Each structure stands twice: as structure tokens, then as C-alpha cells.
C-alpha atoms as a PDB file:
ATOM      1  CA  MET A   1     204.597 216.812  13.656  1.00  0.00           C
ATOM      2  CA  ASN A   2     203.230 219.042  10.900  1.00  0.00           C
ATOM      3  CA  VAL A   3     203.764 222.727  11.611  1.00  0.00           C
ATOM      4  CA  PRO A   4     201.269 225.140  10.009  1.00  0.00           C
ATOM      5  CA  THR A   5     202.865 227.427   7.435  1.00  0.00           C
ATOM      6  CA  LYS A   6     201.742 230.580   9.224  1.00  0.00           C
ATOM      7  CA  ILE A   7     203.310 229.467  12.507  1.00  0.00           C
ATOM      8  CA  ALA A   8     206.473 228.208  10.823  1.00  0.00           C
ATOM      9  CA  GLY A   9     206.963 231.600   9.232  1.00  0.00           C
ATOM     10  CA  ARG A  10     206.980 233.259  12.648  1.00  0.00           C
ATOM     11  CA  PHE A  11     209.242 230.660  14.282  1.00  0.00           C
ATOM     12  CA  PRO A  12     211.762 229.352  11.726  1.00  0.00           C
ATOM     13  CA  LEU A  13     213.605 227.415  14.436  1.00  0.00           C
ATOM     14  CA  LEU A  14     210.779 224.861  14.482  1.00  0.00           C
ATOM     15  CA  LEU A  15     211.810 223.719  11.005  1.00  0.00           C
ATOM     16  CA  LEU A  16     215.453 223.158  11.899  1.00  0.00           C
ATOM     17  CA  SER A  17     214.967 219.908  13.766  1.00  0.00           C
ATOM     18  CA  SER A  18     212.911 216.776  13.374  1.00  0.00           C
ATOM     19  CA  ALA A  19     213.311 216.129  17.134  1.00  0.00           C
ATOM     20  CA  PRO A  20     210.120 215.817  19.197  1.00  0.00           C
ATOM     21  CA  LEU A  21     208.373 218.787  20.713  1.00  0.00           C
ATOM     22  CA  LEU A  22     207.686 218.710  24.425  1.00  0.00           C
ATOM     23  CA  PRO A  23     205.305 220.732  26.601  1.00  0.00           C
ATOM     24  CA  SER A  24     206.798 223.718  28.324  1.00  0.00           C
ATOM     25  CA  SER A  25     205.522 226.012  31.031  1.00  0.00           C
ATOM     26  CA  SER A  26     208.696 228.098  31.304  1.00  0.00           C
ATOM     27  CA  LEU A  27     207.974 230.391  28.370  1.00  0.00           C
ATOM     28  CA  ARG A  28     206.075 233.632  28.686  1.00  0.00           C
ATOM     29  CA  PRO A  29     202.535 233.963  27.274  1.00  0.00           C
ATOM     30  CA  ARG A  30     203.829 235.292  23.971  1.00  0.00           C
ATOM     31  CA  GLY A  31     205.157 233.224  21.068  1.00  0.00           C
ATOM     32  CA  LEU A  32     205.807 229.544  21.732  1.00  0.00           C
ATOM     33  CA  ARG A  33     203.744 229.531  24.978  1.00  0.00           C
ATOM     34  CA  ARG A  34     200.645 229.771  22.847  1.00  0.00           C
ATOM     35  CA  LEU A  35     201.606 226.507  21.217  1.00  0.00           C
ATOM     36  CA  GLY A  36     202.553 224.917  24.548  1.00  0.00           C
ATOM     37  CA  LEU A  37     205.654 223.602  22.797  1.00  0.00           C
ATOM     38  CA  VAL A  38     209.371 224.136  22.846  1.00  0.00           C
ATOM     39  CA  PRO A  39     211.823 222.629  20.289  1.00  0.00           C
ATOM     40  CA  ILE A  40     214.564 220.284  21.406  1.00  0.00           C
ATOM     41  CA  VAL A  41     217.506 220.377  18.979  1.00  0.00           C
ATOM     42  CA  ARG A  42     219.997 217.555  18.774  1.00  0.00           C
ATOM     43  CA  SER A  43     223.078 219.274  17.372  1.00  0.00           C
ATOM     44  CA  TRP A  44     224.617 215.998  16.149  1.00  0.00           C
ATOM     45  CA  ARG A  45     221.800 215.643  13.648  1.00  0.00           C
ATOM     46  CA  LEU A  46     222.333 219.072  12.090  1.00  0.00           C
ATOM     47  CA  LYS A  47     223.955 219.431   8.694  1.00  0.00           C
ATOM     48  CA  PRO A  48     227.015 221.693   8.260  1.00  0.00           C
ATOM     49  CA  GLY A  49     226.022 225.332   8.461  1.00  0.00           C
ATOM     50  CA  VAL A  50     222.685 224.675  10.103  1.00  0.00           C
ATOM     51  CA  GLU A  51     223.962 225.380  13.646  1.00  0.00           C
ATOM     52  CA  GLN A  52     224.876 228.907  12.552  1.00  0.00           C
ATOM     53  CA  LYS A  53     221.408 229.380  11.098  1.00  0.00           C
ATOM     54  CA  MET A  54     219.936 227.991  14.313  1.00  0.00           C
ATOM     55  CA  ALA A  55     221.830 230.578  16.375  1.00  0.00           C
ATOM     56  CA  TRP A  56     220.578 233.306  14.008  1.00  0.00           C
ATOM     57  CA  SER A  57     217.028 232.090  14.470  1.00  0.00           C
ATOM     58  CA  LEU A  58     217.418 232.062  18.252  1.00  0.00           C
ATOM     59  CA  GLU A  59     218.591 235.664  18.140  1.00  0.00           C
ATOM     60  CA  LYS A  60     215.564 236.638  16.057  1.00  0.00           C
ATOM     61  CA  VAL A  61     213.115 234.981  18.407  1.00  0.00           C
ATOM     62  CA  ASP A  62     214.800 236.534  21.439  1.00  0.00           C
ATOM     63  CA  ALA A  63     214.661 239.966  19.810  1.00  0.00           C
ATOM     64  CA  ALA A  64     210.940 239.487  19.382  1.00  0.00           C
ATOM     65  CA  GLY A  65     210.584 239.281  23.157  1.00  0.00           C
ATOM     66  CA  VAL A  66     210.256 235.491  23.514  1.00  0.00           C
ATOM     67  CA  GLU A  67     212.230 234.013  26.387  1.00  0.00           C
ATOM     68  CA  VAL A  68     214.616 231.375  24.990  1.00  0.00           C
ATOM     69  CA  SER A  69     216.923 228.913  26.713  1.00  0.00           C
ATOM     70  CA  GLN A  70     220.692 229.327  26.426  1.00  0.00           C
ATOM     71  CA  LEU A  71     221.271 225.625  26.972  1.00  0.00           C
ATOM     72  CA  GLY A  72     222.250 225.252  23.316  1.00  0.00           C
ATOM     73  CA  VAL A  73     225.717 226.614  24.092  1.00  0.00           C
ATOM     74  CA  VAL A  74     226.368 224.208  26.972  1.00  0.00           C
ATOM     75  CA  ARG A  75     228.426 221.097  26.234  1.00  0.00           C
ATOM     76  CA  PRO A  76     230.053 218.482  28.470  1.00  0.00           C
ATOM     77  CA  ALA A  77     233.768 219.035  28.990  1.00  0.00           C
ATOM     78  CA  THR A  78     234.752 215.761  27.335  1.00  0.00           C
ATOM     79  CA  GLU A  79     237.241 214.736  24.693  1.00  0.00           C
ATOM     80  CA  ALA A  80     234.436 214.355  22.168  1.00  0.00           C
ATOM     81  CA  HIS A  81     233.940 218.130  22.218  1.00  0.00           C
ATOM     82  CA  THR A  82     237.591 219.142  21.985  1.00  0.00           C
ATOM     83  CA  GLU A  83     237.615 219.638  18.218  1.00  0.00           C
ATOM     84  CA  GLU A  84     234.606 221.966  18.157  1.00  0.00           C
ATOM     85  CA  ALA A  85     236.236 224.070  20.884  1.00  0.00           C
ATOM     86  CA  ILE A  86     239.426 224.308  18.831  1.00  0.00           C
ATOM     87  CA  GLU A  87     237.490 225.397  15.735  1.00  0.00           C
ATOM     88  CA  ALA A  88     235.665 228.049  17.752  1.00  0.00           C
ATOM     89  CA  LEU A  89     238.976 229.437  18.997  1.00  0.00           C
ATOM     90  CA  LYS A  90     240.441 229.472  15.490  1.00  0.00           C
ATOM     91  CA  ALA A  91     237.414 231.506  14.433  1.00  0.00           C
ATOM     92  CA  GLY A  92     238.235 234.117  17.075  1.00  0.00           C
ATOM     93  CA  LYS A  93     235.499 233.083  19.511  1.00  0.00           C
ATOM     94  CA  ILE A  94     235.476 232.883  23.310  1.00  0.00           C
ATOM     95  CA  ILE A  95     234.731 229.651  25.157  1.00  0.00           C
ATOM     96  CA  ALA A  96     234.141 228.977  28.850  1.00  0.00           C
ATOM     97  CA  VAL A  97     236.022 226.022  30.313  1.00  0.00           C
ATOM     98  CA  PRO A  98     236.654 224.319  33.653  1.00  0.00           C
ATOM     99  CA  THR A  99     240.195 224.196  34.987  1.00  0.00           C
ATOM    100  CA  ASP A 100     241.659 222.622  38.103  1.00  0.00           C
ATOM    101  CA  THR A 101     240.717 225.743  40.082  1.00  0.00           C
ATOM    102  CA  LEU A 102     237.953 227.903  38.556  1.00  0.00           C
ATOM    103  CA  TYR A 103     235.908 228.251  35.386  1.00  0.00           C
ATOM    104  CA  GLY A 104     237.631 230.488  32.888  1.00  0.00           C
ATOM    105  CA  PHE A 105     237.100 232.361  29.655  1.00  0.00           C
ATOM    106  CA  ALA A 106     239.576 231.312  26.987  1.00  0.00           C
ATOM    107  CA  CYS A 107     240.483 232.498  23.498  1.00  0.00           C
ATOM    108  CA  ASP A 108     243.417 232.286  21.113  1.00  0.00           C
ATOM    109  CA  ALA A 109     246.162 234.364  22.732  1.00  0.00           C
ATOM    110  CA  CYS A 110     247.368 235.348  19.265  1.00  0.00           C
ATOM    111  CA  SER A 111     243.990 236.773  18.216  1.00  0.00           C
ATOM    112  CA  LEU A 112     243.980 240.469  19.090  1.00  0.00           C
ATOM    113  CA  GLU A 113     240.254 240.761  18.393  1.00  0.00           C
ATOM    114  CA  ALA A 114     239.387 237.812  20.650  1.00  0.00           C
ATOM    115  CA  VAL A 115     241.592 239.107  23.472  1.00  0.00           C
ATOM    116  CA  HIS A 116     239.889 242.512  23.299  1.00  0.00           C
ATOM    117  CA  ARG A 117     236.531 240.747  23.367  1.00  0.00           C
ATOM    118  CA  ILE A 118     237.402 239.007  26.653  1.00  0.00           C
ATOM    119  CA  TYR A 119     238.213 242.370  28.227  1.00  0.00           C
ATOM    120  CA  GLU A 120     234.871 243.722  27.020  1.00  0.00           C
ATOM    121  CA  VAL A 121     232.889 240.744  28.316  1.00  0.00           C
ATOM    122  CA  LYS A 122     234.486 240.935  31.774  1.00  0.00           C
ATOM    123  CA  GLY A 123     234.443 244.725  31.970  1.00  0.00           C
ATOM    124  CA  ARG A 124     238.129 244.417  32.764  1.00  0.00           C
ATOM    125  CA  ASN A 125     240.676 247.209  32.611  1.00  0.00           C
ATOM    126  CA  HIS A 126     243.065 246.669  29.702  1.00  0.00           C
ATOM    127  CA  THR A 127     245.987 247.369  32.015  1.00  0.00           C
ATOM    128  CA  SER A 128     245.190 244.168  33.934  1.00  0.00           C
ATOM    129  CA  PRO A 129     247.211 241.382  32.292  1.00  0.00           C
ATOM    130  CA  LEU A 130     245.871 238.045  31.081  1.00  0.00           C
ATOM    131  CA  ALA A 131     247.598 234.742  31.726  1.00  0.00           C
ATOM    132  CA  ILE A 132     248.140 232.098  29.077  1.00  0.00           C
ATOM    133  CA  CYS A 133     247.526 228.358  29.168  1.00  0.00           C
ATOM    134  CA  VAL A 134     249.548 225.755  27.293  1.00  0.00           C
ATOM    135  CA  GLY A 135     249.031 222.042  26.873  1.00  0.00           C
ATOM    136  CA  ASP A 136     252.279 220.687  28.271  1.00  0.00           C
ATOM    137  CA  VAL A 137     255.255 221.854  30.323  1.00  0.00           C
ATOM    138  CA  PRO A 138     257.746 221.794  27.368  1.00  0.00           C
ATOM    139  CA  ASP A 139     255.471 224.243  25.513  1.00  0.00           C
ATOM    140  CA  ILE A 140     256.241 226.972  28.050  1.00  0.00           C
ATOM    141  CA  GLN A 141     259.637 227.736  26.514  1.00  0.00           C
ATOM    142  CA  ARG A 142     257.908 228.763  23.262  1.00  0.00           C
ATOM    143  CA  PHE A 143     256.334 231.697  25.080  1.00  0.00           C
ATOM    144  CA  ALA A 144     258.551 232.511  28.064  1.00  0.00           C
ATOM    145  CA  VAL A 145     262.127 232.297  29.336  1.00  0.00           C
ATOM    146  CA  THR A 146     262.775 229.204  31.458  1.00  0.00           C
ATOM    147  CA  ASP A 147     266.509 228.494  31.117  1.00  0.00           C
ATOM    148  CA  HIS A 148     267.324 230.231  34.440  1.00  0.00           C
ATOM    149  CA  LEU A 149     265.140 227.849  36.450  1.00  0.00           C
ATOM    150  CA  PRO A 150     266.500 224.822  38.344  1.00  0.00           C
ATOM    151  CA  HIS A 151     266.250 221.524  36.501  1.00  0.00           C
ATOM    152  CA  GLY A 152     262.982 219.735  37.194  1.00  0.00           C
ATOM    153  CA  LEU A 153     261.253 222.700  38.855  1.00  0.00           C
ATOM    154  CA  LEU A 154     258.599 223.188  36.180  1.00  0.00           C
ATOM    155  CA  GLU A 155     257.766 219.501  36.126  1.00  0.00           C
ATOM    156  CA  SER A 156     257.406 219.528  39.924  1.00  0.00           C
ATOM    157  CA  LEU A 157     254.973 222.452  39.891  1.00  0.00           C
ATOM    158  CA  LEU A 158     252.988 221.608  36.779  1.00  0.00           C
ATOM    159  CA  PRO A 159     250.445 220.481  35.769  1.00  0.00           C
ATOM    160  CA  GLY A 160     248.767 222.014  38.790  1.00  0.00           C
ATOM    161  CA  PRO A 161     246.920 224.986  40.315  1.00  0.00           C
ATOM    162  CA  VAL A 162     249.855 227.384  39.891  1.00  0.00           C
ATOM    163  CA  THR A 163     250.433 230.391  37.620  1.00  0.00           C
ATOM    164  CA  LEU A 164     254.111 231.050  36.933  1.00  0.00           C
ATOM    165  CA  VAL A 165     255.099 234.602  36.066  1.00  0.00           C
ATOM    166  CA  LEU A 166     258.076 234.464  33.694  1.00  0.00           C
ATOM    167  CA  ARG A 167     259.904 236.823  31.356  1.00  0.00           C
ATOM    168  CA  ARG A 168     258.586 236.767  27.816  1.00  0.00           C
ATOM    169  CA  GLY A 169     261.939 237.170  26.081  1.00  0.00           C
ATOM    170  CA  GLU A 170     262.625 238.315  22.532  1.00  0.00           C
ATOM    171  CA  SER A 171     261.884 234.898  21.037  1.00  0.00           C
ATOM    172  CA  SER A 172     258.405 234.590  22.559  1.00  0.00           C
ATOM    173  CA  MET A 173     255.718 233.547  20.076  1.00  0.00           C
ATOM    174  CA  LEU A 174     253.156 235.741  21.841  1.00  0.00           C
ATOM    175  CA  GLU A 175     251.732 238.764  20.121  1.00  0.00           C
ATOM    176  CA  LYS A 176     253.193 242.006  21.448  1.00  0.00           C
ATOM    177  CA  SER A 177     249.618 243.260  21.745  1.00  0.00           C
ATOM    178  CA  LEU A 178     248.941 240.769  24.568  1.00  0.00           C
ATOM    179  CA  ASN A 179     249.601 242.607  27.840  1.00  0.00           C
ATOM    180  CA  PRO A 180     251.419 245.482  26.087  1.00  0.00           C
ATOM    181  CA  GLY A 181     254.156 247.160  28.070  1.00  0.00           C
ATOM    182  CA  LEU A 182     254.808 244.113  30.240  1.00  0.00           C
ATOM    183  CA  GLU A 183     257.963 242.057  29.886  1.00  0.00           C
ATOM    184  CA  SER A 184     256.482 239.145  31.837  1.00  0.00           C
ATOM    185  CA  ILE A 185     253.622 236.705  31.306  1.00  0.00           C
ATOM    186  CA  GLY A 186     251.668 234.427  33.620  1.00  0.00           C
ATOM    187  CA  VAL A 187     251.690 230.821  32.393  1.00  0.00           C
ATOM    188  CA  ARG A 188     249.396 227.954  33.385  1.00  0.00           C
ATOM    189  CA  VAL A 189     249.350 224.219  32.705  1.00  0.00           C
ATOM    190  CA  PRO A 190     246.190 223.215  34.582  1.00  0.00           C
ATOM    191  CA  ASP A 191     245.749 219.681  35.865  1.00  0.00           C
ATOM    192  CA  CYS A 192     242.720 219.337  33.593  1.00  0.00           C
ATOM    193  CA  ASN A 193     242.822 217.144  30.509  1.00  0.00           C
ATOM    194  CA  PHE A 194     240.050 218.975  28.663  1.00  0.00           C
ATOM    195  CA  ILE A 195     241.621 222.423  28.487  1.00  0.00           C
ATOM    196  CA  ARG A 196     245.074 220.951  27.899  1.00  0.00           C
ATOM    197  CA  GLY A 197     243.728 218.976  24.941  1.00  0.00           C
ATOM    198  CA  ILE A 198     242.283 222.172  23.494  1.00  0.00           C
ATOM    199  CA  ALA A 199     245.613 224.000  23.869  1.00  0.00           C
ATOM    200  CA  ARG A 200     247.484 221.125  22.205  1.00  0.00           C
ATOM    201  CA  GLY A 201     245.056 221.023  19.296  1.00  0.00           C
ATOM    202  CA  LEU A 202     245.141 224.782  18.793  1.00  0.00           C
ATOM    203  CA  GLY A 203     248.929 224.667  18.488  1.00  0.00           C
ATOM    204  CA  SER A 204     249.164 227.996  20.259  1.00  0.00           C
ATOM    205  CA  ALA A 205     248.555 229.401  23.731  1.00  0.00           C
ATOM    206  CA  LEU A 206     245.155 230.202  25.169  1.00  0.00           C
ATOM    207  CA  ALA A 207     244.559 233.562  26.795  1.00  0.00           C
ATOM    208  CA  LEU A 208     242.868 232.572  30.055  1.00  0.00           C
ATOM    209  CA  THR A 209     241.036 234.534  32.734  1.00  0.00           C
ATOM    210  CA  SER A 210     238.341 233.771  35.285  1.00  0.00           C
ATOM    211  CA  ALA A 211     234.764 233.499  33.993  1.00  0.00           C
ATOM    212  CA  ASN A 212     233.144 236.381  35.830  1.00  0.00           C
ATOM    213  CA  LEU A 213     232.642 240.106  35.670  1.00  0.00           C
ATOM    214  CA  SER A 214     235.692 241.981  36.866  1.00  0.00           C
ATOM    215  CA  GLY A 215     235.557 242.471  40.635  1.00  0.00           C
ATOM    216  CA  GLN A 216     232.840 239.855  41.123  1.00  0.00           C
ATOM    217  CA  PRO A 217     233.256 236.437  42.822  1.00  0.00           C
ATOM    218  CA  SER A 218     234.962 233.765  40.751  1.00  0.00           C
ATOM    219  CA  SER A 219     232.960 230.884  39.288  1.00  0.00           C
ATOM    220  CA  VAL A 220     233.076 227.279  40.501  1.00  0.00           C
ATOM    221  CA  CYS A 221     230.070 226.162  38.420  1.00  0.00           C
ATOM    222  CA  ILE A 222     228.602 227.358  35.133  1.00  0.00           C
ATOM    223  CA  LYS A 223     225.511 228.716  36.886  1.00  0.00           C
ATOM    224  CA  ASP A 224     227.736 231.298  38.581  1.00  0.00           C
ATOM    225  CA  PHE A 225     228.268 233.124  35.271  1.00  0.00           C
ATOM    226  CA  GLU A 226     225.027 232.284  33.481  1.00  0.00           C
ATOM    227  CA  ASN A 227     224.518 235.966  32.658  1.00  0.00           C
ATOM    228  CA  LEU A 228     227.657 235.823  30.481  1.00  0.00           C
ATOM    229  CA  TRP A 229     226.893 232.658  28.506  1.00  0.00           C
ATOM    230  CA  GLN A 230     225.598 234.718  25.619  1.00  0.00           C
ATOM    231  CA  HIS A 231     229.121 235.961  24.911  1.00  0.00           C
ATOM    232  CA  CYS A 232     230.561 232.442  24.502  1.00  0.00           C
ATOM    233  CA  ALA A 233     230.537 230.173  21.483  1.00  0.00           C
ATOM    234  CA  TYR A 234     230.374 227.260  23.946  1.00  0.00           C
ATOM    235  CA  VAL A 235     230.168 226.807  27.705  1.00  0.00           C
ATOM    236  CA  TYR A 236     231.765 223.532  28.783  1.00  0.00           C
ATOM    237  CA  GLN A 237     230.219 221.860  31.802  1.00  0.00           C
ATOM    238  CA  GLY A 238     232.635 220.259  34.231  1.00  0.00           C
ATOM    239  CA  GLY A 239     230.406 220.186  37.295  1.00  0.00           C
ATOM    240  CA  VAL A 240     231.076 222.003  40.548  1.00  0.00           C
ATOM    241  CA  LEU A 241     234.819 222.511  40.982  1.00  0.00           C
ATOM    242  CA  PRO A 242     236.041 221.431  44.421  1.00  0.00           C
ATOM    243  CA  SER A 243     238.965 223.792  45.020  1.00  0.00           C
ATOM    244  CA  GLY A 244     236.916 226.792  46.175  1.00  0.00           C
ATOM    245  CA  ARG A 245     237.154 230.317  44.832  1.00  0.00           C
ATOM    246  CA  ALA A 246     240.774 231.100  45.727  1.00  0.00           C
ATOM    247  CA  GLY A 247     242.064 230.468  42.212  1.00  0.00           C
ATOM    248  CA  SER A 248     245.584 229.440  41.306  1.00  0.00           C
ATOM    249  CA  THR A 249     248.645 230.356  43.322  1.00  0.00           C
ATOM    250  CA  VAL A 250     250.569 233.040  41.434  1.00  0.00           C
ATOM    251  CA  VAL A 251     254.352 233.054  41.834  1.00  0.00           C
ATOM    252  CA  ASP A 252     256.900 235.365  40.213  1.00  0.00           C
ATOM    253  CA  LEU A 253     259.930 233.446  38.915  1.00  0.00           C
ATOM    254  CA  THR A 254     261.512 236.188  36.812  1.00  0.00           C
ATOM    255  CA  ARG A 255     264.587 236.574  39.051  1.00  0.00           C
ATOM    256  CA  LEU A 256     267.402 234.054  39.183  1.00  0.00           C
ATOM    257  CA  GLY A 257     267.309 232.020  42.389  1.00  0.00           C
ATOM    258  CA  LYS A 258     264.326 233.943  43.794  1.00  0.00           C
ATOM    259  CA  PHE A 259     260.561 233.615  44.006  1.00  0.00           C
ATOM    260  CA  LYS A 260     257.759 235.891  45.121  1.00  0.00           C
ATOM    261  CA  ILE A 261     254.204 234.834  45.905  1.00  0.00           C
ATOM    262  CA  LEU A 262     251.900 237.358  44.213  1.00  0.00           C
ATOM    263  CA  ARG A 263     248.663 235.607  45.182  1.00  0.00           C
ATOM    264  CA  PRO A 264     248.355 232.825  47.764  1.00  0.00           C
ATOM    265  CA  GLY A 265     245.604 231.047  45.863  1.00  0.00           C
ATOM    266  CA  SER A 266     244.679 227.445  46.569  1.00  0.00           C
ATOM    267  CA  ALA A 267     248.158 225.868  46.727  1.00  0.00           C
ATOM    268  CA  ARG A 268     250.502 228.279  48.481  1.00  0.00           C
ATOM    269  CA  GLU A 269     252.022 225.867  50.996  1.00  0.00           C
ATOM    270  CA  GLU A 270     252.656 223.122  48.457  1.00  0.00           C
ATOM    271  CA  THR A 271     254.120 225.607  45.971  1.00  0.00           C
ATOM    272  CA  VAL A 272     256.511 227.185  48.486  1.00  0.00           C
ATOM    273  CA  ALA A 273     257.665 223.743  49.609  1.00  0.00           C
ATOM    274  CA  ILE A 274     258.543 222.771  46.037  1.00  0.00           C
ATOM    275  CA  LEU A 275     260.324 226.081  45.362  1.00  0.00           C
ATOM    276  CA  GLU A 276     262.427 225.788  48.504  1.00  0.00           C
ATOM    277  CA  ARG A 277     263.223 222.172  47.731  1.00  0.00           C
ATOM    278  CA  HIS A 278     264.771 223.442  44.490  1.00  0.00           C
ATOM    279  CA  SER A 279     266.893 225.947  46.489  1.00  0.00           C
ATOM    280  CA  LEU A 280     264.942 229.074  45.545  1.00  0.00           C
ATOM    281  CA  GLU A 281     264.676 231.825  48.156  1.00  0.00           C
ATOM    282  CA  GLU A 282     261.607 233.932  48.774  1.00  0.00           C
ATOM    283  CA  GLU A 283     262.147 237.614  48.040  1.00  0.00           C
ATOM    284  CA  GLY A 284     262.247 239.713  51.170  1.00  0.00           C
ATOM    285  CA  SER A 285     262.907 236.793  53.481  1.00  0.00           C
ATOM    286  CA  SER A 286     265.863 236.906  55.876  1.00  0.00           C
ATOM    287  CA  THR A 287     268.501 234.218  55.566  1.00  0.00           C
END
């Protein structure tokens, strides 16, 4: 379709794609509504660097008061999109990802700027710690102390809907600026191939927290946090998560031979059964 020069000058996004233009009734009377058209961009056809220009153009149109769709940031949570997620994290960006419990915001745990950005997006108090996510159980020892735990315990609990609170130790690869003042760190290995593949490819840990405003209900589908999409490089669609909004079960394993449930979450009974099977005693319980 030939776009008149005058119109193209006002809406540079129309020149970024040769994809067809379809009728739209969702736009307000200004801007594109007058044309009765809305561009559909197929990102796989864009040349390097064009996606960044496209985002810049979207921001310009939005600033002009034209209602634009945020669907450009949504991707399926599939292996084909793992590499772009990794590159976004390396660039200090935030992504939204499904886990085996809730949708979460993730960034490189070793990027101080990205970690601060997550706190800003959530409106979260900086004294509230963030957990980390790693790709595989053996990776945990790079970031936390595990040698006091019974043999096979980690493999019995993970991957799964459990956050283990462990001591960081002097040899931890984590930045001291992550959860400053705390000697412990919450560690996750979700039973979710997509986020684990991202963590493996990054070669570091992900800082991970629920994808919602602080104090608001957790998200089990991407629609639940649609108002926060704008802060993410990508939002990865994994459908409606079936575990409910309870989140992961959080258990403190910093003391030798002891455990303490800090949050019941979605797997308390199963977690306690595994801990007791490995001869750990719950703190405060009578024996």
C-alpha cells in the first residue's frame, strides 16, 4: 500500500513494515483512526536495529495522544525466544516470565541498575529482599552455602515451587548490593523450562519477584499486570498458571539440621514431608 508522504511524516511507524494494514475500530478518533488502519508488525522481518526504532516511534505516537497497543512486547514463552530474553537481561532490562507458581519480573541479579529498576516498577521497599533464580540445582552452590544440607535434599525439593533461604557465604558470586545487610538469600529453581533456559544462558542468577505492584494480588496471567507491561523489554506469555496465587513455599534452611517455614505457599505439605524425610526438624516444634 502506498502511504502519502504527508501522512507518513506524521506516523513513521507505517514505514517500518511491509505487512498488511487491517481495519481497526479500537483507536480513538485522532491519528490512525482517521485512516481506519492499524499497522501489524512482524518482528522476524525487521532488520537489526529496526525494532529499537520501532519502539521509539511507538513512544512518539503515544506521546501525541494516540492510543497504541502494547502487544509488541508480548512473546510466547518458548525456546525460540530464549536468546532474545537473555540479550535483554544482559542489556540491563526487565522481562516478565511465567514460573511454576506465578508470573514474575526478572533481571540480571548482578546488575545493580536493573535491580533498582525492579524495585521502582513494583513500588517495593528496598528493605524487602529479592530472591534469585538459577537454571539447575548444582548452580545453587555458586551463590549460597549448601554443604550443611543432607545429601540429596536439594534434588528432592527442586526443581519445584519452593524458595530455599540459605546463607550467602563469603564466596557467593552475588553482588553485595543485592539485599544489602542480609547474610541470606532466597533461591529458586522453578519447574519451568523457559525461565531455567534463560538462567542457564545468562550464566548468572536472575533476580526474581512477583509481577505486580507491591501489596497487590499476584499475577497468574499476563492480563493481571497489563498496566506494568510498559516497564518490560518483553512479556512472555505462558497462559493462565494453574497453581493459584499462593506463590512458592518459602523455607529457611540456614541452620544445621533445622527448617522453618516462612511462607506456606502452594506446596507446604509436600515440602515439610521431604524435609522430615531427610531428618530435618522444624524450628519451635517439640520432640
